[in-house]
């Protein structure tokens, strides 16, 4: 049996750097001088990067996608399928993956979007592996995670602290060597009204009143209890180990959703993983949501910390909530 395997990775950060000091100055004028320091202490985020204001999410995805293809030695016309994960799409419909397909010139590719928020990239990896191994006539899959939630946020909302723009991409094909091993999934829709954009869809179409009330912007209505990730990630990891036959001692790198340093360190300790095996990029990149896991993977490979043949686990957690874990050999 041939195995689905990542053949390349890449990531993209835009050029405009926004540090915590500039945000703190802004929120001081709003009478909230302490909020940025509080968020920094828990998250470890010190800066984030913004794309040009006239860019959409597909514009962020494009350079990451191009670089992933270049590193794989593939052309855009070689791509059979594009899977794009984001909860900050260009439009409600059509799918952002179709927009990317056109901009990339991947005229032979089919496309679809995955909307599992920050769990989108591990979900895309599992989906692509199943398609590649399912004899669907697909040879080359381009996976992309892209995030531009800050354009959908109120700039005076303190949660803007977290949102950074960015994109990550990977190519996947079948290979004789071991690659993708398996996945695990969890969700709990009772939290669906906690954090989201609640107007603009069929539950509440966009209206003048909805826009004026801020319901077409992303809003945190009720904080998630910390045990969602503190306890949920270890349970999901245990489920992944049971599904794939791996154990924590075999894992070379475990890439979590890059939102809170304290949570990542706590979960690593709970499952018995040395903290140095849980890479973090949020300090340099901010919280890049649907893009953060492929960005952290690509960053680790570029630095030489993550190497060919190593066992990598990715655990993503997104609003809704959705959680997905995948394991694969590079």
C-alpha atoms as a PDB file:
ATOM      1  CA  UNK A   1       0.000   0.000   0.000  1.00  0.00           C
ATOM      2  CA  UNK A   2       1.244   3.480  -0.861  1.00  0.00           C
ATOM      3  CA  UNK A   3       0.964   6.168   1.794  1.00  0.00           C
ATOM      4  CA  UNK A   4      -0.121   9.814   1.662  1.00  0.00           C
ATOM      5  CA  UNK A   5       2.919  11.919   2.481  1.00  0.00           C
ATOM      6  CA  UNK A   6       3.737  15.621   2.679  1.00  0.00           C
ATOM      7  CA  UNK A   7       6.209  16.512  -0.066  1.00  0.00           C
ATOM      8  CA  UNK A   8       6.711  20.192   0.789  1.00  0.00           C
ATOM      9  CA  UNK A   9       5.709  22.958   3.170  1.00  0.00           C
ATOM     10  CA  UNK A  10       5.789  26.753   3.053  1.00  0.00           C
ATOM     11  CA  UNK A  11       4.386  29.721   4.937  1.00  0.00           C
ATOM     12  CA  UNK A  12       3.864  33.407   4.392  1.00  0.00           C
ATOM     13  CA  UNK A  13       3.779  36.425   6.707  1.00  0.00           C
ATOM     14  CA  UNK A  14       2.893  39.887   5.357  1.00  0.00           C
ATOM     15  CA  UNK A  15       5.213  42.834   5.853  1.00  0.00           C
ATOM     16  CA  UNK A  16       3.442  45.141   8.325  1.00  0.00           C
ATOM     17  CA  UNK A  17       4.561  44.408  11.890  1.00  0.00           C
ATOM     18  CA  UNK A  18       2.247  45.367  14.750  1.00  0.00           C
ATOM     19  CA  UNK A  19       3.917  45.134  18.154  1.00  0.00           C
ATOM     20  CA  UNK A  20       2.251  45.024  21.553  1.00  0.00           C
ATOM     21  CA  UNK A  21       3.445  48.508  22.426  1.00  0.00           C
ATOM     22  CA  UNK A  22       1.441  50.089  19.612  1.00  0.00           C
ATOM     23  CA  UNK A  23      -1.680  48.139  20.611  1.00  0.00           C
ATOM     24  CA  UNK A  24      -1.203  49.100  24.254  1.00  0.00           C
ATOM     25  CA  UNK A  25      -1.046  52.761  23.284  1.00  0.00           C
ATOM     26  CA  UNK A  26      -4.305  52.418  21.345  1.00  0.00           C
ATOM     27  CA  UNK A  27      -6.162  50.707  24.179  1.00  0.00           C
ATOM     28  CA  UNK A  28      -4.816  53.209  26.700  1.00  0.00           C
ATOM     29  CA  UNK A  29      -6.766  55.873  24.813  1.00  0.00           C
ATOM     30  CA  UNK A  30      -9.870  53.695  25.293  1.00  0.00           C
ATOM     31  CA  UNK A  31      -9.328  53.458  29.041  1.00  0.00           C
ATOM     32  CA  UNK A  32      -8.030  49.880  28.936  1.00  0.00           C
ATOM     33  CA  UNK A  33      -4.281  50.297  29.506  1.00  0.00           C
ATOM     34  CA  UNK A  34      -3.837  46.904  31.207  1.00  0.00           C
ATOM     35  CA  UNK A  35      -5.452  44.582  28.656  1.00  0.00           C
ATOM     36  CA  UNK A  36      -2.483  44.070  26.313  1.00  0.00           C
ATOM     37  CA  UNK A  37      -0.044  43.198  29.080  1.00  0.00           C
ATOM     38  CA  UNK A  38      -2.528  40.723  30.535  1.00  0.00           C
ATOM     39  CA  UNK A  39      -3.007  38.975  27.195  1.00  0.00           C
ATOM     40  CA  UNK A  40       0.732  38.901  26.514  1.00  0.00           C
ATOM     41  CA  UNK A  41       1.471  37.234  29.851  1.00  0.00           C
ATOM     42  CA  UNK A  42      -0.861  34.310  29.150  1.00  0.00           C
ATOM     43  CA  UNK A  43      -0.354  33.878  25.430  1.00  0.00           C
ATOM     44  CA  UNK A  44       3.300  34.719  24.870  1.00  0.00           C
ATOM     45  CA  UNK A  45       2.323  36.821  21.840  1.00  0.00           C
ATOM     46  CA  UNK A  46       4.580  39.850  21.376  1.00  0.00           C
ATOM     47  CA  UNK A  47       3.727  40.904  17.820  1.00  0.00           C
ATOM     48  CA  UNK A  48       1.658  40.063  14.764  1.00  0.00           C
ATOM     49  CA  UNK A  49       1.696  40.940  11.050  1.00  0.00           C
ATOM     50  CA  UNK A  50      -0.943  42.620   8.892  1.00  0.00           C
ATOM     51  CA  UNK A  51      -1.459  42.332   5.152  1.00  0.00           C
ATOM     52  CA  UNK A  52      -2.349  45.362   3.009  1.00  0.00           C
ATOM     53  CA  UNK A  53      -5.880  46.550   3.708  1.00  0.00           C
ATOM     54  CA  UNK A  54      -7.046  45.764   0.171  1.00  0.00           C
ATOM     55  CA  UNK A  55      -6.000  42.100   0.428  1.00  0.00           C
ATOM     56  CA  UNK A  56      -8.370  39.210   0.979  1.00  0.00           C
ATOM     57  CA  UNK A  57      -7.605  35.808   2.512  1.00  0.00           C
ATOM     58  CA  UNK A  58      -6.914  34.312  -0.933  1.00  0.00           C
ATOM     59  CA  UNK A  59      -4.192  36.938  -1.449  1.00  0.00           C
ATOM     60  CA  UNK A  60      -2.481  35.707   1.733  1.00  0.00           C
ATOM     61  CA  UNK A  61      -2.832  32.094   0.633  1.00  0.00           C
ATOM     62  CA  UNK A  62      -1.311  32.688  -2.805  1.00  0.00           C
ATOM     63  CA  UNK A  63       2.392  33.222  -1.915  1.00  0.00           C
ATOM     64  CA  UNK A  64       2.367  30.297   0.520  1.00  0.00           C
ATOM     65  CA  UNK A  65       0.765  28.060  -2.122  1.00  0.00           C
ATOM     66  CA  UNK A  66       3.253  29.130  -4.794  1.00  0.00           C
ATOM     67  CA  UNK A  67       6.222  28.484  -2.520  1.00  0.00           C
ATOM     68  CA  UNK A  68       4.937  25.054  -1.470  1.00  0.00           C
ATOM     69  CA  UNK A  69       4.644  24.059  -5.139  1.00  0.00           C
ATOM     70  CA  UNK A  70       8.090  25.477  -5.931  1.00  0.00           C
ATOM     71  CA  UNK A  71       9.690  23.490  -3.112  1.00  0.00           C
ATOM     72  CA  UNK A  72       7.919  20.338  -4.294  1.00  0.00           C
ATOM     73  CA  UNK A  73       9.101  20.835  -7.864  1.00  0.00           C
ATOM     74  CA  UNK A  74       5.513  20.998  -9.081  1.00  0.00           C
ATOM     75  CA  UNK A  75       3.727  23.473 -11.326  1.00  0.00           C
ATOM     76  CA  UNK A  76       0.317  24.926 -10.647  1.00  0.00           C
ATOM     77  CA  UNK A  77      -1.119  22.872 -13.502  1.00  0.00           C
ATOM     78  CA  UNK A  78       0.122  19.686 -11.781  1.00  0.00           C
ATOM     79  CA  UNK A  79      -2.283  20.172  -8.873  1.00  0.00           C
ATOM     80  CA  UNK A  80      -5.332  17.895  -8.941  1.00  0.00           C
ATOM     81  CA  UNK A  81      -7.036  19.177  -5.801  1.00  0.00           C
ATOM     82  CA  UNK A  82      -6.832  22.266  -3.594  1.00  0.00           C
ATOM     83  CA  UNK A  83      -8.154  22.050  -0.029  1.00  0.00           C
ATOM     84  CA  UNK A  84      -8.234  25.392   1.765  1.00  0.00           C
ATOM     85  CA  UNK A  85      -9.000  25.769   5.457  1.00  0.00           C
ATOM     86  CA  UNK A  86     -10.142  29.097   6.874  1.00  0.00           C
ATOM     87  CA  UNK A  87     -12.857  30.692   8.968  1.00  0.00           C
ATOM     88  CA  UNK A  88     -12.069  34.109   7.496  1.00  0.00           C
ATOM     89  CA  UNK A  89     -12.982  33.390   3.861  1.00  0.00           C
ATOM     90  CA  UNK A  90     -13.077  35.892   1.023  1.00  0.00           C
ATOM     91  CA  UNK A  91     -16.859  35.422   0.785  1.00  0.00           C
ATOM     92  CA  UNK A  92     -19.624  33.416   2.416  1.00  0.00           C
ATOM     93  CA  UNK A  93     -19.902  31.859  -1.021  1.00  0.00           C
ATOM     94  CA  UNK A  94     -18.193  31.057  -3.414  1.00  0.00           C
ATOM     95  CA  UNK A  95     -15.476  29.003  -1.758  1.00  0.00           C
ATOM     96  CA  UNK A  96     -12.163  30.772  -1.248  1.00  0.00           C
ATOM     97  CA  UNK A  97     -10.377  27.715  -2.682  1.00  0.00           C
ATOM     98  CA  UNK A  98     -11.921  28.467  -6.074  1.00  0.00           C
ATOM     99  CA  UNK A  99     -10.610  32.033  -5.915  1.00  0.00           C
ATOM    100  CA  UNK A 100      -7.151  30.723  -5.028  1.00  0.00           C
ATOM    101  CA  UNK A 101      -7.300  28.185  -7.858  1.00  0.00           C
ATOM    102  CA  UNK A 102      -7.829  30.987 -10.367  1.00  0.00           C
ATOM    103  CA  UNK A 103      -5.148  33.262  -8.896  1.00  0.00           C
ATOM    104  CA  UNK A 104      -2.676  30.373  -8.773  1.00  0.00           C
ATOM    105  CA  UNK A 105      -3.412  29.205 -12.326  1.00  0.00           C
ATOM    106  CA  UNK A 106      -4.145  25.668 -11.154  1.00  0.00           C
ATOM    107  CA  UNK A 107      -6.631  25.134 -13.958  1.00  0.00           C
ATOM    108  CA  UNK A 108      -6.616  21.319 -13.663  1.00  0.00           C
ATOM    109  CA  UNK A 109      -7.509  21.303  -9.968  1.00  0.00           C
ATOM    110  CA  UNK A 110     -10.766  20.701  -8.218  1.00  0.00           C
ATOM    111  CA  UNK A 111     -11.238  22.560  -4.937  1.00  0.00           C
ATOM    112  CA  UNK A 112     -13.147  22.734  -1.712  1.00  0.00           C
ATOM    113  CA  UNK A 113     -12.995  24.641   1.573  1.00  0.00           C
ATOM    114  CA  UNK A 114     -12.816  23.246   5.088  1.00  0.00           C
ATOM    115  CA  UNK A 115     -14.382  25.475   7.722  1.00  0.00           C
ATOM    116  CA  UNK A 116     -13.253  23.938  11.011  1.00  0.00           C
ATOM    117  CA  UNK A 117     -11.688  27.200  12.180  1.00  0.00           C
ATOM    118  CA  UNK A 118      -8.294  26.529  13.751  1.00  0.00           C
ATOM    119  CA  UNK A 119      -8.733  22.764  13.413  1.00  0.00           C
ATOM    120  CA  UNK A 120      -8.960  23.122   9.628  1.00  0.00           C
ATOM    121  CA  UNK A 121      -5.413  22.137   8.651  1.00  0.00           C
ATOM    122  CA  UNK A 122      -5.248  18.800  10.520  1.00  0.00           C
ATOM    123  CA  UNK A 123      -8.713  18.079   9.145  1.00  0.00           C
ATOM    124  CA  UNK A 124      -7.459  18.891   5.643  1.00  0.00           C
ATOM    125  CA  UNK A 125      -4.481  16.556   6.086  1.00  0.00           C
ATOM    126  CA  UNK A 126      -6.754  13.686   7.108  1.00  0.00           C
ATOM    127  CA  UNK A 127      -9.169  14.444   4.270  1.00  0.00           C
ATOM    128  CA  UNK A 128      -6.437  14.640   1.636  1.00  0.00           C
ATOM    129  CA  UNK A 129      -4.884  11.380   2.838  1.00  0.00           C
ATOM    130  CA  UNK A 130      -8.216   9.613   2.530  1.00  0.00           C
ATOM    131  CA  UNK A 131      -8.757  10.952  -0.989  1.00  0.00           C
ATOM    132  CA  UNK A 132      -5.241  10.080  -2.141  1.00  0.00           C
ATOM    133  CA  UNK A 133      -5.473   6.562  -0.761  1.00  0.00           C
ATOM    134  CA  UNK A 134      -9.044   6.095  -2.006  1.00  0.00           C
ATOM    135  CA  UNK A 135      -8.194   5.708  -5.711  1.00  0.00           C
ATOM    136  CA  UNK A 136      -9.993   8.865  -6.742  1.00  0.00           C
ATOM    137  CA  UNK A 137      -7.530   9.626  -9.532  1.00  0.00           C
ATOM    138  CA  UNK A 138      -5.961  12.408  -7.487  1.00  0.00           C
ATOM    139  CA  UNK A 139      -2.161  12.524  -7.495  1.00  0.00           C
ATOM    140  CA  UNK A 140      -1.180  15.937  -6.123  1.00  0.00           C
ATOM    141  CA  UNK A 141      -3.085  17.787  -3.402  1.00  0.00           C
ATOM    142  CA  UNK A 142      -2.309  21.321  -2.291  1.00  0.00           C
ATOM    143  CA  UNK A 143      -3.310  22.016   1.324  1.00  0.00           C
ATOM    144  CA  UNK A 144      -3.601  25.617   2.495  1.00  0.00           C
ATOM    145  CA  UNK A 145      -4.477  27.252   5.799  1.00  0.00           C
ATOM    146  CA  UNK A 146      -5.042  31.014   5.684  1.00  0.00           C
ATOM    147  CA  UNK A 147      -6.237  33.527   8.252  1.00  0.00           C
ATOM    148  CA  UNK A 148      -7.271  37.178   8.180  1.00  0.00           C
ATOM    149  CA  UNK A 149      -9.721  37.372  11.058  1.00  0.00           C
ATOM    150  CA  UNK A 150      -8.514  40.816  12.138  1.00  0.00           C
ATOM    151  CA  UNK A 151     -10.325  42.326   9.095  1.00  0.00           C
ATOM    152  CA  UNK A 152     -13.551  40.868  10.475  1.00  0.00           C
ATOM    153  CA  UNK A 153     -12.947  42.237  13.985  1.00  0.00           C
ATOM    154  CA  UNK A 154     -13.703  45.560  15.622  1.00  0.00           C
ATOM    155  CA  UNK A 155     -10.317  47.321  16.002  1.00  0.00           C
ATOM    156  CA  UNK A 156     -11.484  48.556  19.431  1.00  0.00           C
ATOM    157  CA  UNK A 157     -12.239  45.022  20.640  1.00  0.00           C
ATOM    158  CA  UNK A 158      -9.404  43.866  22.946  1.00  0.00           C
ATOM    159  CA  UNK A 159      -9.489  40.446  21.248  1.00  0.00           C
ATOM    160  CA  UNK A 160      -7.822  42.123  18.255  1.00  0.00           C
ATOM    161  CA  UNK A 161      -4.645  41.488  20.281  1.00  0.00           C
ATOM    162  CA  UNK A 162      -4.618  37.868  19.134  1.00  0.00           C
ATOM    163  CA  UNK A 163      -5.371  38.131  15.432  1.00  0.00           C
ATOM    164  CA  UNK A 164      -2.441  38.072  13.031  1.00  0.00           C
ATOM    165  CA  UNK A 165      -2.532  37.549   9.265  1.00  0.00           C
ATOM    166  CA  UNK A 166      -0.712  34.590   7.752  1.00  0.00           C
ATOM    167  CA  UNK A 167      -0.865  31.478   5.603  1.00  0.00           C
ATOM    168  CA  UNK A 168       0.712  28.037   5.480  1.00  0.00           C
ATOM    169  CA  UNK A 169       0.660  25.455   2.715  1.00  0.00           C
ATOM    170  CA  UNK A 170       1.790  21.914   1.970  1.00  0.00           C
ATOM    171  CA  UNK A 171       1.851  19.522  -0.941  1.00  0.00           C
ATOM    172  CA  UNK A 172       0.738  15.930  -0.463  1.00  0.00           C
ATOM    173  CA  UNK A 173       1.123  12.910  -2.736  1.00  0.00           C
ATOM    174  CA  UNK A 174       1.300   9.131  -2.442  1.00  0.00           C
ATOM    175  CA  UNK A 175       4.680   7.621  -1.620  1.00  0.00           C
ATOM    176  CA  UNK A 176       6.123   4.179  -0.899  1.00  0.00           C
ATOM    177  CA  UNK A 177       7.511   5.363   2.451  1.00  0.00           C
ATOM    178  CA  UNK A 178       5.342   5.667   5.537  1.00  0.00           C
ATOM    179  CA  UNK A 179       3.612   9.025   5.812  1.00  0.00           C
ATOM    180  CA  UNK A 180       0.121   9.660   7.148  1.00  0.00           C
ATOM    181  CA  UNK A 181      -0.792   7.331  10.030  1.00  0.00           C
ATOM    182  CA  UNK A 182      -4.261   8.394  11.151  1.00  0.00           C
ATOM    183  CA  UNK A 183      -6.457  10.920  12.896  1.00  0.00           C
ATOM    184  CA  UNK A 184      -8.839  11.568  15.778  1.00  0.00           C
ATOM    185  CA  UNK A 185     -11.750  14.003  15.993  1.00  0.00           C
ATOM    186  CA  UNK A 186     -13.819  15.682  18.708  1.00  0.00           C
ATOM    187  CA  UNK A 187     -16.451  18.416  18.729  1.00  0.00           C
ATOM    188  CA  UNK A 188     -19.053  19.999  20.981  1.00  0.00           C
ATOM    189  CA  UNK A 189     -21.644  22.228  19.357  1.00  0.00           C
ATOM    190  CA  UNK A 190     -23.022  23.408  22.698  1.00  0.00           C
ATOM    191  CA  UNK A 191     -20.284  26.055  22.471  1.00  0.00           C
ATOM    192  CA  UNK A 192     -21.314  27.211  18.999  1.00  0.00           C
ATOM    193  CA  UNK A 193     -22.682  30.523  20.316  1.00  0.00           C
ATOM    194  CA  UNK A 194     -19.616  31.384  22.391  1.00  0.00           C
ATOM    195  CA  UNK A 195     -17.361  32.938  19.767  1.00  0.00           C
ATOM    196  CA  UNK A 196     -18.132  33.717  16.159  1.00  0.00           C
ATOM    197  CA  UNK A 197     -19.650  35.993  13.531  1.00  0.00           C
ATOM    198  CA  UNK A 198     -23.347  35.672  14.172  1.00  0.00           C
ATOM    199  CA  UNK A 199     -24.939  37.752  11.425  1.00  0.00           C
ATOM    200  CA  UNK A 200     -24.448  37.451   7.686  1.00  0.00           C
ATOM    201  CA  UNK A 201     -25.576  33.836   7.329  1.00  0.00           C
ATOM    202  CA  UNK A 202     -28.998  32.213   7.177  1.00  0.00           C
ATOM    203  CA  UNK A 203     -29.562  32.346  10.945  1.00  0.00           C
ATOM    204  CA  UNK A 204     -29.432  36.137  10.735  1.00  0.00           C
ATOM    205  CA  UNK A 205     -28.844  37.694   7.310  1.00  0.00           C
ATOM    206  CA  UNK A 206     -26.833  40.895   7.287  1.00  0.00           C
ATOM    207  CA  UNK A 207     -28.987  43.964   7.878  1.00  0.00           C
ATOM    208  CA  UNK A 208     -28.339  47.601   8.732  1.00  0.00           C
ATOM    209  CA  UNK A 209     -29.272  46.830  12.337  1.00  0.00           C
ATOM    210  CA  UNK A 210     -26.925  43.816  12.476  1.00  0.00           C
ATOM    211  CA  UNK A 211     -24.025  45.851  11.120  1.00  0.00           C
ATOM    212  CA  UNK A 212     -24.705  48.724  13.499  1.00  0.00           C
ATOM    213  CA  UNK A 213     -24.828  46.325  16.458  1.00  0.00           C
ATOM    214  CA  UNK A 214     -21.530  44.711  15.442  1.00  0.00           C
ATOM    215  CA  UNK A 215     -22.992  41.272  14.786  1.00  0.00           C
ATOM    216  CA  UNK A 216     -21.285  41.001  11.378  1.00  0.00           C
ATOM    217  CA  UNK A 217     -17.910  41.172  13.168  1.00  0.00           C
ATOM    218  CA  UNK A 218     -16.235  38.382  15.095  1.00  0.00           C
ATOM    219  CA  UNK A 219     -17.232  38.519  18.765  1.00  0.00           C
ATOM    220  CA  UNK A 220     -16.430  36.627  21.933  1.00  0.00           C
ATOM    221  CA  UNK A 221     -19.729  36.338  23.812  1.00  0.00           C
ATOM    222  CA  UNK A 222     -18.691  33.811  26.445  1.00  0.00           C
ATOM    223  CA  UNK A 223     -15.214  32.565  27.230  1.00  0.00           C
ATOM    224  CA  UNK A 224     -14.499  28.893  26.730  1.00  0.00           C
ATOM    225  CA  UNK A 225     -13.656  27.096  29.966  1.00  0.00           C
ATOM    226  CA  UNK A 226      -9.923  26.293  30.029  1.00  0.00           C
ATOM    227  CA  UNK A 227     -10.585  22.560  30.319  1.00  0.00           C
ATOM    228  CA  UNK A 228     -11.705  22.474  26.671  1.00  0.00           C
ATOM    229  CA  UNK A 229      -8.039  22.407  25.677  1.00  0.00           C
ATOM    230  CA  UNK A 230      -6.366  21.666  29.026  1.00  0.00           C
ATOM    231  CA  UNK A 231      -8.280  18.379  29.282  1.00  0.00           C
ATOM    232  CA  UNK A 232      -9.517  18.025  25.706  1.00  0.00           C
ATOM    233  CA  UNK A 233      -6.121  17.949  24.003  1.00  0.00           C
ATOM    234  CA  UNK A 234      -4.767  15.129  26.201  1.00  0.00           C
ATOM    235  CA  UNK A 235      -7.941  13.099  25.595  1.00  0.00           C
ATOM    236  CA  UNK A 236      -7.659  13.694  21.862  1.00  0.00           C
ATOM    237  CA  UNK A 237      -3.991  12.720  21.916  1.00  0.00           C
ATOM    238  CA  UNK A 238      -4.844   9.489  23.751  1.00  0.00           C
ATOM    239  CA  UNK A 239      -7.518   8.767  21.144  1.00  0.00           C
ATOM    240  CA  UNK A 240      -5.018   9.388  18.352  1.00  0.00           C
ATOM    241  CA  UNK A 241      -2.516   7.030  19.971  1.00  0.00           C
ATOM    242  CA  UNK A 242      -5.198   4.340  20.246  1.00  0.00           C
ATOM    243  CA  UNK A 243      -6.189   4.843  16.592  1.00  0.00           C
ATOM    244  CA  UNK A 244      -2.638   4.753  15.216  1.00  0.00           C
ATOM    245  CA  UNK A 245      -0.652   2.609  17.640  1.00  0.00           C
ATOM    246  CA  UNK A 246       1.846   5.348  18.503  1.00  0.00           C
ATOM    247  CA  UNK A 247       2.832   6.547  21.968  1.00  0.00           C
ATOM    248  CA  UNK A 248       4.219   9.775  23.331  1.00  0.00           C
ATOM    249  CA  UNK A 249       7.805   8.492  23.430  1.00  0.00           C
ATOM    250  CA  UNK A 250       7.758   8.072  19.642  1.00  0.00           C
ATOM    251  CA  UNK A 251       6.592  11.616  18.917  1.00  0.00           C
ATOM    252  CA  UNK A 252       9.348  13.947  17.715  1.00  0.00           C
ATOM    253  CA  UNK A 253       7.188  17.081  17.480  1.00  0.00           C
ATOM    254  CA  UNK A 254       3.648  17.919  18.581  1.00  0.00           C
ATOM    255  CA  UNK A 255       2.273  21.103  17.031  1.00  0.00           C
ATOM    256  CA  UNK A 256      -0.738  22.556  18.826  1.00  0.00           C
ATOM    257  CA  UNK A 257      -2.971  25.453  17.843  1.00  0.00           C
ATOM    258  CA  UNK A 258      -0.747  28.462  18.471  1.00  0.00           C
ATOM    259  CA  UNK A 259      -2.810  30.647  20.765  1.00  0.00           C
ATOM    260  CA  UNK A 260      -1.646  30.253  24.392  1.00  0.00           C
ATOM    261  CA  UNK A 261       1.860  29.372  25.509  1.00  0.00           C
ATOM    262  CA  UNK A 262       0.633  28.395  28.986  1.00  0.00           C
ATOM    263  CA  UNK A 263      -1.877  25.893  27.610  1.00  0.00           C
ATOM    264  CA  UNK A 264       0.669  24.255  25.318  1.00  0.00           C
ATOM    265  CA  UNK A 265       3.162  23.859  28.154  1.00  0.00           C
ATOM    266  CA  UNK A 266       0.498  22.504  30.528  1.00  0.00           C
ATOM    267  CA  UNK A 267      -0.740  19.909  28.024  1.00  0.00           C
ATOM    268  CA  UNK A 268       2.780  18.841  27.069  1.00  0.00           C
ATOM    269  CA  UNK A 269       3.498  18.215  30.753  1.00  0.00           C
ATOM    270  CA  UNK A 270       0.265  16.271  31.219  1.00  0.00           C
ATOM    271  CA  UNK A 271       0.929  13.851  28.365  1.00  0.00           C
ATOM    272  CA  UNK A 272       4.598  13.451  29.248  1.00  0.00           C
ATOM    273  CA  UNK A 273       6.001  15.271  26.220  1.00  0.00           C
ATOM    274  CA  UNK A 274       9.174  17.326  26.711  1.00  0.00           C
ATOM    275  CA  UNK A 275       8.266  20.981  26.185  1.00  0.00           C
ATOM    276  CA  UNK A 276      10.991  21.415  23.564  1.00  0.00           C
ATOM    277  CA  UNK A 277       9.049  18.989  21.353  1.00  0.00           C
ATOM    278  CA  UNK A 278       6.058  21.369  21.266  1.00  0.00           C
ATOM    279  CA  UNK A 279       7.198  24.190  18.955  1.00  0.00           C
ATOM    280  CA  UNK A 280       5.665  27.651  19.304  1.00  0.00           C
ATOM    281  CA  UNK A 281       5.561  30.571  16.868  1.00  0.00           C
ATOM    282  CA  UNK A 282       2.840  32.768  18.351  1.00  0.00           C
ATOM    283  CA  UNK A 283       5.413  34.992  20.043  1.00  0.00           C
ATOM    284  CA  UNK A 284       6.681  36.067  16.604  1.00  0.00           C
ATOM    285  CA  UNK A 285       3.581  35.657  14.444  1.00  0.00           C
ATOM    286  CA  UNK A 286       0.585  36.283  16.679  1.00  0.00           C
ATOM    287  CA  UNK A 287      -2.396  33.975  16.585  1.00  0.00           C
ATOM    288  CA  UNK A 288      -2.851  32.989  12.951  1.00  0.00           C
ATOM    289  CA  UNK A 289      -5.811  30.667  13.451  1.00  0.00           C
ATOM    290  CA  UNK A 290      -6.411  28.315  10.530  1.00  0.00           C
ATOM    291  CA  UNK A 291      -2.856  28.957   9.333  1.00  0.00           C
ATOM    292  CA  UNK A 292      -0.927  28.551  12.575  1.00  0.00           C
ATOM    293  CA  UNK A 293      -0.293  24.793  12.449  1.00  0.00           C
ATOM    294  CA  UNK A 294       1.077  24.647   8.874  1.00  0.00           C
ATOM    295  CA  UNK A 295       3.044  27.823   9.604  1.00  0.00           C
ATOM    296  CA  UNK A 296       4.638  26.242  12.682  1.00  0.00           C
ATOM    297  CA  UNK A 297       5.399  23.083  10.705  1.00  0.00           C
ATOM    298  CA  UNK A 298       6.980  25.017   7.856  1.00  0.00           C
ATOM    299  CA  UNK A 299       8.931  27.229  10.271  1.00  0.00           C
ATOM    300  CA  UNK A 300      10.352  24.194  12.061  1.00  0.00           C
ATOM    301  CA  UNK A 301      11.387  22.567   8.788  1.00  0.00           C
ATOM    302  CA  UNK A 302      13.038  25.772   7.551  1.00  0.00           C
ATOM    303  CA  UNK A 303      15.032  26.072  10.787  1.00  0.00           C
ATOM    304  CA  UNK A 304      16.120  22.427  10.591  1.00  0.00           C
ATOM    305  CA  UNK A 305      14.401  21.550  13.870  1.00  0.00           C
ATOM    306  CA  UNK A 306      11.835  19.309  12.132  1.00  0.00           C
ATOM    307  CA  UNK A 307      13.427  16.799   9.787  1.00  0.00           C
ATOM    308  CA  UNK A 308      12.557  14.171   7.236  1.00  0.00           C
ATOM    309  CA  UNK A 309      11.530  10.846   8.750  1.00  0.00           C
ATOM    310  CA  UNK A 310      10.417  12.293  12.088  1.00  0.00           C
ATOM    311  CA  UNK A 311       7.009  11.597  13.601  1.00  0.00           C
ATOM    312  CA  UNK A 312       4.888  14.748  13.807  1.00  0.00           C
ATOM    313  CA  UNK A 313       1.524  15.103  15.518  1.00  0.00           C
ATOM    314  CA  UNK A 314      -0.719  18.116  14.916  1.00  0.00           C
ATOM    315  CA  UNK A 315      -3.619  18.991  17.226  1.00  0.00           C
ATOM    316  CA  UNK A 316      -5.936  21.807  16.218  1.00  0.00           C
ATOM    317  CA  UNK A 317      -8.737  23.391  18.215  1.00  0.00           C
ATOM    318  CA  UNK A 318     -11.239  25.773  16.677  1.00  0.00           C
ATOM    319  CA  UNK A 319     -14.389  27.649  17.635  1.00  0.00           C
ATOM    320  CA  UNK A 320     -17.603  25.737  17.520  1.00  0.00           C
ATOM    321  CA  UNK A 321     -15.848  23.852  18.834  1.00  0.00           C
ATOM    322  CA  UNK A 322     -13.916  21.445  16.614  1.00  0.00           C
ATOM    323  CA  UNK A 323     -10.777  19.522  17.559  1.00  0.00           C
ATOM    324  CA  UNK A 324      -8.691  17.349  15.228  1.00  0.00           C
ATOM    325  CA  UNK A 325      -5.425  15.447  15.671  1.00  0.00           C
ATOM    326  CA  UNK A 326      -3.330  13.788  12.973  1.00  0.00           C
ATOM    327  CA  UNK A 327      -0.071  11.828  13.044  1.00  0.00           C
ATOM    328  CA  UNK A 328       2.340  11.406  10.155  1.00  0.00           C
ATOM    329  CA  UNK A 329       5.945  10.681   9.339  1.00  0.00           C
ATOM    330  CA  UNK A 330       7.627  13.400   7.311  1.00  0.00           C
END
